C-alpha atoms as a PDB file:
ATOM      1  CA  MET A   1     -32.540  43.841 -15.403  1.00  0.00           C
ATOM      2  CA  ASN A   2     -32.299  44.344 -11.764  1.00  0.00           C
ATOM      3  CA  GLY A   3     -33.376  40.430 -11.910  1.00  0.00           C
ATOM      4  CA  SER A   4     -30.529  39.634 -13.907  1.00  0.00           C
ATOM      5  CA  VAL A   5     -28.119  41.197 -12.001  1.00  0.00           C
ATOM      6  CA  SER A   6     -29.093  39.816  -8.841  1.00  0.00           C
ATOM      7  CA  ALA A   7     -28.972  36.073  -9.843  1.00  0.00           C
ATOM      8  CA  GLY A   8     -25.565  36.981 -11.501  1.00  0.00           C
ATOM      9  CA  SER A   9     -24.532  38.094  -8.015  1.00  0.00           C
ATOM     10  CA  ALA A  10     -25.694  34.718  -6.548  1.00  0.00           C
ATOM     11  CA  ARG A  11     -24.145  32.859  -8.918  1.00  0.00           C
ATOM     12  CA  ARG A  12     -20.496  34.545  -8.117  1.00  0.00           C
ATOM     13  CA  GLY A  13     -21.537  34.523  -4.305  1.00  0.00           C
ATOM     14  CA  ARG A  14     -22.365  30.203  -4.878  1.00  0.00           C
ATOM     15  CA  ARG A  15     -19.122  29.846  -6.816  1.00  0.00           C
ATOM     16  CA  LEU A  16     -17.066  32.086  -4.535  1.00  0.00           C
ATOM     17  CA  GLN A  17     -18.534  29.209  -1.835  1.00  0.00           C
ATOM     18  CA  GLN A  18     -17.515  26.241  -3.574  1.00  0.00           C
ATOM     19  CA  VAL A  19     -13.770  27.681  -4.815  1.00  0.00           C
ATOM     20  CA  GLU A  20     -13.482  28.510  -0.613  1.00  0.00           C
ATOM     21  CA  MET A  21     -14.958  24.850   0.389  1.00  0.00           C
ATOM     22  CA  ALA A  22     -12.697  23.017  -2.048  1.00  0.00           C
ATOM     23  CA  TYR A  23      -9.411  25.191  -0.845  1.00  0.00           C
ATOM     24  CA  HIS A  24     -10.445  24.212   2.700  1.00  0.00           C
ATOM     25  CA  SER A  25     -11.108  20.693   1.971  1.00  0.00           C
ATOM     26  CA  LEU A  26      -7.710  20.416   0.045  1.00  0.00           C
ATOM     27  CA  ALA A  27      -6.103  22.324   2.987  1.00  0.00           C
ATOM     28  CA  LEU A  28      -7.340  19.615   5.339  1.00  0.00           C
ATOM     29  CA  VAL A  29      -6.281  16.920   2.861  1.00  0.00           C
ATOM     30  CA  LEU A  30      -2.416  18.367   2.742  1.00  0.00           C
ATOM     31  CA  ALA A  31      -2.502  18.788   6.520  1.00  0.00           C
ATOM     32  CA  SER A  32      -3.764  15.312   7.184  1.00  0.00           C
ATOM     33  CA  LEU A  33      -0.779  14.023   4.997  1.00  0.00           C
ATOM     34  CA  VAL A  34       2.170  16.260   6.291  1.00  0.00           C
ATOM     35  CA  ALA A  35       0.709  14.901   9.891  1.00  0.00           C
ATOM     36  CA  VAL A  36       1.011  11.839   8.304  1.00  0.00           C
ATOM     37  CA  SER A  37       4.454  11.767   6.637  1.00  0.00           C
ATOM     38  CA  VAL A  38       6.515  14.596   8.464  1.00  0.00           C
ATOM     39  CA  ALA A  39       6.096  14.066  12.074  1.00  0.00           C
ATOM     40  CA  GLU A  40       9.096  11.618  12.414  1.00  0.00           C
ATOM     41  CA  PRO A  41      10.637   9.112   9.972  1.00  0.00           C
ATOM     42  CA  ILE A  42       8.924   5.995   8.522  1.00  0.00           C
ATOM     43  CA  LYS A  43       8.831   3.404  10.497  1.00  0.00           C
ATOM     44  CA  TYR A  44       7.106   0.153   8.772  1.00  0.00           C
ATOM     45  CA  LEU A  45       6.730  -3.636   9.521  1.00  0.00           C
ATOM     46  CA  ASP A  46       6.976  -6.426   6.904  1.00  0.00           C
ATOM     47  CA  CYS A  47       3.875  -8.134   6.959  1.00  0.00           C
ATOM     48  CA  GLY A  48       4.564 -11.160   4.931  1.00  0.00           C
ATOM     49  CA  SER A  49       6.708  -9.872   1.884  1.00  0.00           C
ATOM     50  CA  VAL A  50       6.723 -13.534  -0.105  1.00  0.00           C
ATOM     51  CA  VAL A  51       8.568 -13.220  -3.482  1.00  0.00           C
ATOM     52  CA  GLY A  52      10.157  -9.992  -2.881  1.00  0.00           C
ATOM     53  CA  LYS A  53      12.290  -7.952  -0.226  1.00  0.00           C
ATOM     54  CA  ILE A  54      11.754  -4.616   0.893  1.00  0.00           C
ATOM     55  CA  SER A  55      14.855  -2.363   0.476  1.00  0.00           C
ATOM     56  CA  SER A  56      12.750   0.992   1.761  1.00  0.00           C
ATOM     57  CA  VAL A  57       9.574   2.915   2.451  1.00  0.00           C
ATOM     58  CA  ASP A  58       9.302   6.481   2.488  1.00  0.00           C
ATOM     59  CA  VAL A  59       5.973   8.262   2.685  1.00  0.00           C
ATOM     60  CA  THR A  60       6.124  11.813   1.633  1.00  0.00           C
ATOM     61  CA  PRO A  61       3.051  14.376   1.559  1.00  0.00           C
ATOM     62  CA  CYS A  62       0.264  12.368  -0.955  1.00  0.00           C
ATOM     63  CA  THR A  63       3.140   9.722  -1.995  1.00  0.00           C
ATOM     64  CA  VAL A  64       4.163   6.210  -0.696  1.00  0.00           C
ATOM     65  CA  ASN A  65       7.468   5.270  -2.671  1.00  0.00           C
ATOM     66  CA  THR A  66       8.586   1.295  -1.837  1.00  0.00           C
ATOM     67  CA  VAL A  67      11.649   0.187  -3.337  1.00  0.00           C
ATOM     68  CA  VAL A  68      11.540  -3.949  -3.774  1.00  0.00           C
ATOM     69  CA  SER A  69      13.958  -6.853  -5.067  1.00  0.00           C
ATOM     70  CA  SER A  70      11.691  -9.409  -7.109  1.00  0.00           C
ATOM     71  CA  ASP A  71      12.344 -12.919  -6.356  1.00  0.00           C
ATOM     72  CA  ALA A  72       9.628 -13.886  -8.939  1.00  0.00           C
ATOM     73  CA  ALA A  73       8.963 -13.056 -12.260  1.00  0.00           C
ATOM     74  CA  SER A  74       5.063 -11.401 -12.876  1.00  0.00           C
ATOM     75  CA  GLN A  75       3.084 -10.150 -15.748  1.00  0.00           C
ATOM     76  CA  THR A  76       1.288  -7.889 -13.682  1.00  0.00           C
ATOM     77  CA  SER A  77       1.263  -6.659 -10.386  1.00  0.00           C
ATOM     78  CA  LYS A  78      -1.474  -5.284  -8.344  1.00  0.00           C
ATOM     79  CA  ALA A  79      -1.825  -2.773  -5.129  1.00  0.00           C
ATOM     80  CA  ILE A  80      -4.242  -3.793  -2.221  1.00  0.00           C
ATOM     81  CA  VAL A  81      -4.496  -1.302   0.790  1.00  0.00           C
ATOM     82  CA  HIS A  82      -6.302  -1.487   4.256  1.00  0.00           C
ATOM     83  CA  GLY A  83      -6.830   0.561   6.665  1.00  0.00           C
ATOM     84  CA  VAL A  84      -6.256  -1.468  10.247  1.00  0.00           C
ATOM     85  CA  ILE A  85      -8.699  -0.454  12.681  1.00  0.00           C
ATOM     86  CA  ALA A  86      -8.989  -1.788  16.283  1.00  0.00           C
ATOM     87  CA  GLY A  87      -7.129  -5.222  14.397  1.00  0.00           C
ATOM     88  CA  VAL A  88     -10.133  -5.275  11.426  1.00  0.00           C
ATOM     89  CA  PRO A  89      -8.504  -4.638   8.010  1.00  0.00           C
ATOM     90  CA  ILE A  90     -10.780  -2.185   6.024  1.00  0.00           C
ATOM     91  CA  PRO A  91     -10.394  -1.654   2.331  1.00  0.00           C
ATOM     92  CA  PHE A  92      -8.300   1.496   1.448  1.00  0.00           C
ATOM     93  CA  PRO A  93      -9.679   2.794  -1.969  1.00  0.00           C
ATOM     94  CA  ILE A  94      -5.846   4.068  -4.291  1.00  0.00           C
ATOM     95  CA  PRO A  95      -6.378   5.991  -7.683  1.00  0.00           C
ATOM     96  CA  ASN A  96      -4.487   3.237  -9.159  1.00  0.00           C
ATOM     97  CA  GLU A  97      -4.261  -0.623  -8.286  1.00  0.00           C
ATOM     98  CA  ASP A  98      -2.115  -1.517 -11.022  1.00  0.00           C
ATOM     99  CA  GLY A  99       1.567  -1.744 -10.005  1.00  0.00           C
ATOM    100  CA  CYS A 100       2.575  -1.949 -13.805  1.00  0.00           C
ATOM    101  CA  LYS A 101       1.551   1.991 -13.956  1.00  0.00           C
ATOM    102  CA  SER A 102       2.683   2.708 -10.413  1.00  0.00           C
ATOM    103  CA  GLY A 103       6.448   3.048 -11.443  1.00  0.00           C
ATOM    104  CA  ILE A 104       6.832  -0.917 -11.535  1.00  0.00           C
ATOM    105  CA  GLN A 105       7.925  -2.218 -15.273  1.00  0.00           C
ATOM    106  CA  CYS A 106       5.805  -5.218 -16.523  1.00  0.00           C
ATOM    107  CA  PRO A 107       6.745  -8.213 -16.626  1.00  0.00           C
ATOM    108  CA  ILE A 108       8.423  -8.194 -13.816  1.00  0.00           C
ATOM    109  CA  GLN A 109      11.777  -9.864 -13.583  1.00  0.00           C
ATOM    110  CA  GLN A 110      13.226 -11.790 -11.241  1.00  0.00           C
ATOM    111  CA  GLN A 111      16.573 -10.955  -9.150  1.00  0.00           C
ATOM    112  CA  LYS A 112      15.585  -7.186 -10.411  1.00  0.00           C
ATOM    113  CA  THR A 113      14.856  -3.907  -8.010  1.00  0.00           C
ATOM    114  CA  TYR A 114      11.801  -2.088  -9.034  1.00  0.00           C
ATOM    115  CA  SER A 115      10.486   1.313  -7.858  1.00  0.00           C
ATOM    116  CA  TYR A 116       6.402   1.159  -6.627  1.00  0.00           C
ATOM    117  CA  VAL A 117       5.267   4.540  -6.657  1.00  0.00           C
ATOM    118  CA  ASN A 118       1.601   5.656  -5.581  1.00  0.00           C
ATOM    119  CA  GLN A 119      -0.645   7.839  -4.060  1.00  0.00           C
ATOM    120  CA  LEU A 120      -2.245   7.746  -0.290  1.00  0.00           C
ATOM    121  CA  PRO A 121      -5.528   9.434  -1.102  1.00  0.00           C
ATOM    122  CA  VAL A 122      -7.118  11.202   2.479  1.00  0.00           C
ATOM    123  CA  LYS A 123     -10.839  12.686   2.169  1.00  0.00           C
ATOM    124  CA  THR A 124     -12.298  14.986   4.440  1.00  0.00           C
ATOM    125  CA  GLU A 125     -14.565  13.011   5.269  1.00  0.00           C
ATOM    126  CA  TYR A 126     -12.401  10.589   6.979  1.00  0.00           C
ATOM    127  CA  PRO A 127     -12.792  10.860  10.909  1.00  0.00           C
ATOM    128  CA  SER A 128     -10.062  11.559  13.075  1.00  0.00           C
ATOM    129  CA  LEU A 129      -8.527   8.751  13.981  1.00  0.00           C
ATOM    130  CA  LYS A 130      -5.167   6.645  14.348  1.00  0.00           C
ATOM    131  CA  LEU A 131      -4.895   2.803  12.390  1.00  0.00           C
ATOM    132  CA  VAL A 132      -2.589   1.185  10.703  1.00  0.00           C
ATOM    133  CA  VAL A 133      -2.346   1.397   6.812  1.00  0.00           C
ATOM    134  CA  GLU A 134      -1.543  -1.912   5.526  1.00  0.00           C
ATOM    135  CA  TRP A 135       0.016  -1.933   1.773  1.00  0.00           C
ATOM    136  CA  GLU A 136       0.445  -5.000  -0.549  1.00  0.00           C
ATOM    137  CA  LEU A 137       1.641  -5.398  -4.076  1.00  0.00           C
ATOM    138  CA  ARG A 138       0.801  -9.292  -5.435  1.00  0.00           C
ATOM    139  CA  ASP A 139       2.165 -10.971  -8.477  1.00  0.00           C
ATOM    140  CA  ASP A 140      -0.129 -12.656 -10.905  1.00  0.00           C
ATOM    141  CA  ASN A 141       0.249 -16.088  -8.580  1.00  0.00           C
ATOM    142  CA  ASN A 142      -1.506 -13.497  -5.755  1.00  0.00           C
ATOM    143  CA  LYS A 143       1.949 -13.939  -3.728  1.00  0.00           C
ATOM    144  CA  ASP A 144       2.975 -10.458  -2.160  1.00  0.00           C
ATOM    145  CA  TYR A 145       6.182  -8.867  -3.594  1.00  0.00           C
ATOM    146  CA  PHE A 146       5.372  -6.526  -0.603  1.00  0.00           C
ATOM    147  CA  CYS A 147       3.635  -6.119   2.360  1.00  0.00           C
ATOM    148  CA  PHE A 148       4.207  -3.528   5.085  1.00  0.00           C
ATOM    149  CA  LYS A 149       2.484  -1.916   7.745  1.00  0.00           C
ATOM    150  CA  PHE A 150       2.875   1.573   9.345  1.00  0.00           C
ATOM    151  CA  PRO A 151       0.814   3.643  11.819  1.00  0.00           C
ATOM    152  CA  VAL A 152      -1.351   7.181  10.708  1.00  0.00           C
ATOM    153  CA  GLN A 153      -2.871   9.615  12.360  1.00  0.00           C
ATOM    154  CA  ILE A 154      -5.250  11.421  10.477  1.00  0.00           C
ATOM    155  CA  THR A 155      -6.892  14.703  12.015  1.00  0.00           C
ATOM    156  CA  SER A 156      -9.530  16.818  10.632  1.00  0.00           C
END
């Protein structure tokens, strides 16, 4: 009987540690995103929007919202994100690369305005650093509806 009480207490203790670690990780992610988005209004640089025109870029905790008008039709759209560190683009995974599942209603029509919304995840294992995020949304022909860059500071 004593052994089962001790084992149950040990499991509860481990579970409590896991919950505390998850809470700590979530707090770090949220703090990082707040540092990214609240420090000052988003300043971005258009880095080659070819078949679209950016109207606005808004970054709030956890979310990137881009309003873009289309100059070309497309059946699909794909987002590609890089973190640029010391001039070197490093692929940055996002939860959903499919623009058609991120606020864009496909097929994309020419001369129509769309609001693209996606998540900007920051993992706790990322080191503290300053970098530039480059975000693209491409059409069927691999041309950019939008391409913009904005500075980010990750704090861990």
